[in-house]
Amino acid sequence: MNTTQQPVRAIPAPVAPALPLRVNSQELLRQGKSIQIEHDGKIYELRITRLNKLILTA
């Protein structure tokens, strides 16, 4: 009988794919027409257009 034990190898746990985050625009804009978003040191503006579309500008 061989009593030599094999080293135990760690098996990485499977990583679940990240689900996209969904945010309601009304909650994000808080009844306003635009918000400013800071990203990577730059300021962007997310606003609602006259045709009720969203536009993001730098």
C-alpha atoms as a PDB file:
ATOM      1  CA  MET A   1       0.000   0.000   0.000  1.00  0.00           C
ATOM      2  CA  ASN A   2       1.413   3.388  -0.980  1.00  0.00           C
ATOM      3  CA  THR A   3       0.946   5.946   1.808  1.00  0.00           C
ATOM      4  CA  THR A   4       2.540   8.818  -0.146  1.00  0.00           C
ATOM      5  CA  GLN A   5       0.023  11.638  -0.516  1.00  0.00           C
ATOM      6  CA  GLN A   6      -0.181  13.769  -3.609  1.00  0.00           C
ATOM      7  CA  PRO A   7      -0.131  17.553  -3.104  1.00  0.00           C
ATOM      8  CA  VAL A   8      -3.572  19.106  -3.230  1.00  0.00           C
ATOM      9  CA  ARG A   9      -4.064  21.530  -6.114  1.00  0.00           C
ATOM     10  CA  ALA A  10      -6.401  24.455  -5.730  1.00  0.00           C
ATOM     11  CA  ILE A  11      -9.141  24.539  -8.336  1.00  0.00           C
ATOM     12  CA  PRO A  12     -10.275  28.086  -9.129  1.00  0.00           C
ATOM     13  CA  ALA A  13     -13.963  28.726  -8.642  1.00  0.00           C
ATOM     14  CA  PRO A  14     -15.872  29.511 -11.832  1.00  0.00           C
ATOM     15  CA  VAL A  15     -16.422  33.206 -12.389  1.00  0.00           C
ATOM     16  CA  ALA A  16     -19.982  34.176 -13.196  1.00  0.00           C
ATOM     17  CA  PRO A  17     -20.343  36.691 -16.015  1.00  0.00           C
ATOM     18  CA  ALA A  18     -21.178  40.167 -14.769  1.00  0.00           C
ATOM     19  CA  LEU A  19     -24.711  41.230 -15.532  1.00  0.00           C
ATOM     20  CA  PRO A  20     -25.128  44.681 -17.062  1.00  0.00           C
ATOM     21  CA  LEU A  21     -26.319  47.297 -14.620  1.00  0.00           C
ATOM     22  CA  ARG A  22     -29.654  48.803 -15.582  1.00  0.00           C
ATOM     23  CA  VAL A  23     -30.614  52.229 -14.219  1.00  0.00           C
ATOM     24  CA  ASN A  24     -33.895  53.993 -14.889  1.00  0.00           C
ATOM     25  CA  SER A  25     -33.135  57.347 -16.529  1.00  0.00           C
ATOM     26  CA  GLN A  26     -35.777  59.126 -14.440  1.00  0.00           C
ATOM     27  CA  GLU A  27     -34.091  57.946 -11.251  1.00  0.00           C
ATOM     28  CA  LEU A  28     -30.677  58.922 -12.607  1.00  0.00           C
ATOM     29  CA  LEU A  29     -31.755  62.398 -13.710  1.00  0.00           C
ATOM     30  CA  ARG A  30     -33.992  62.946 -10.634  1.00  0.00           C
ATOM     31  CA  GLN A  31     -36.687  64.830 -12.553  1.00  0.00           C
ATOM     32  CA  GLY A  32     -34.083  67.131 -14.122  1.00  0.00           C
ATOM     33  CA  LYS A  33     -33.076  67.410 -17.764  1.00  0.00           C
ATOM     34  CA  SER A  34     -29.317  66.781 -17.389  1.00  0.00           C
ATOM     35  CA  ILE A  35     -26.589  65.527 -15.099  1.00  0.00           C
ATOM     36  CA  GLN A  36     -22.818  65.786 -15.120  1.00  0.00           C
ATOM     37  CA  ILE A  37     -20.745  62.614 -14.941  1.00  0.00           C
ATOM     38  CA  GLU A  38     -17.054  62.624 -14.071  1.00  0.00           C
ATOM     39  CA  HIS A  39     -15.034  59.886 -15.750  1.00  0.00           C
ATOM     40  CA  ASP A  40     -11.255  59.564 -15.909  1.00  0.00           C
ATOM     41  CA  GLY A  41     -10.779  63.213 -14.942  1.00  0.00           C
ATOM     42  CA  LYS A  42     -13.208  64.524 -17.575  1.00  0.00           C
ATOM     43  CA  ILE A  43     -16.720  65.918 -17.162  1.00  0.00           C
ATOM     44  CA  TYR A  44     -19.494  64.607 -19.403  1.00  0.00           C
ATOM     45  CA  GLU A  45     -23.104  65.780 -19.623  1.00  0.00           C
ATOM     46  CA  LEU A  46     -25.980  63.345 -20.013  1.00  0.00           C
ATOM     47  CA  ARG A  47     -29.121  65.164 -21.082  1.00  0.00           C
ATOM     48  CA  ILE A  48     -32.579  64.610 -22.504  1.00  0.00           C
ATOM     49  CA  THR A  49     -33.103  66.131 -25.963  1.00  0.00           C
ATOM     50  CA  ARG A  50     -36.224  67.833 -27.284  1.00  0.00           C
ATOM     51  CA  LEU A  51     -37.138  64.524 -28.956  1.00  0.00           C
ATOM     52  CA  ASN A  52     -36.903  62.752 -25.567  1.00  0.00           C
ATOM     53  CA  LYS A  53     -33.659  60.943 -26.438  1.00  0.00           C
ATOM     54  CA  LEU A  54     -30.538  60.728 -24.292  1.00  0.00           C
ATOM     55  CA  ILE A  55     -27.269  62.276 -25.451  1.00  0.00           C
ATOM     56  CA  LEU A  56     -23.876  62.136 -23.746  1.00  0.00           C
ATOM     57  CA  THR A  57     -21.415  64.919 -24.574  1.00  0.00           C
ATOM     58  CA  ALA A  58     -17.923  65.772 -23.383  1.00  0.00           C
END
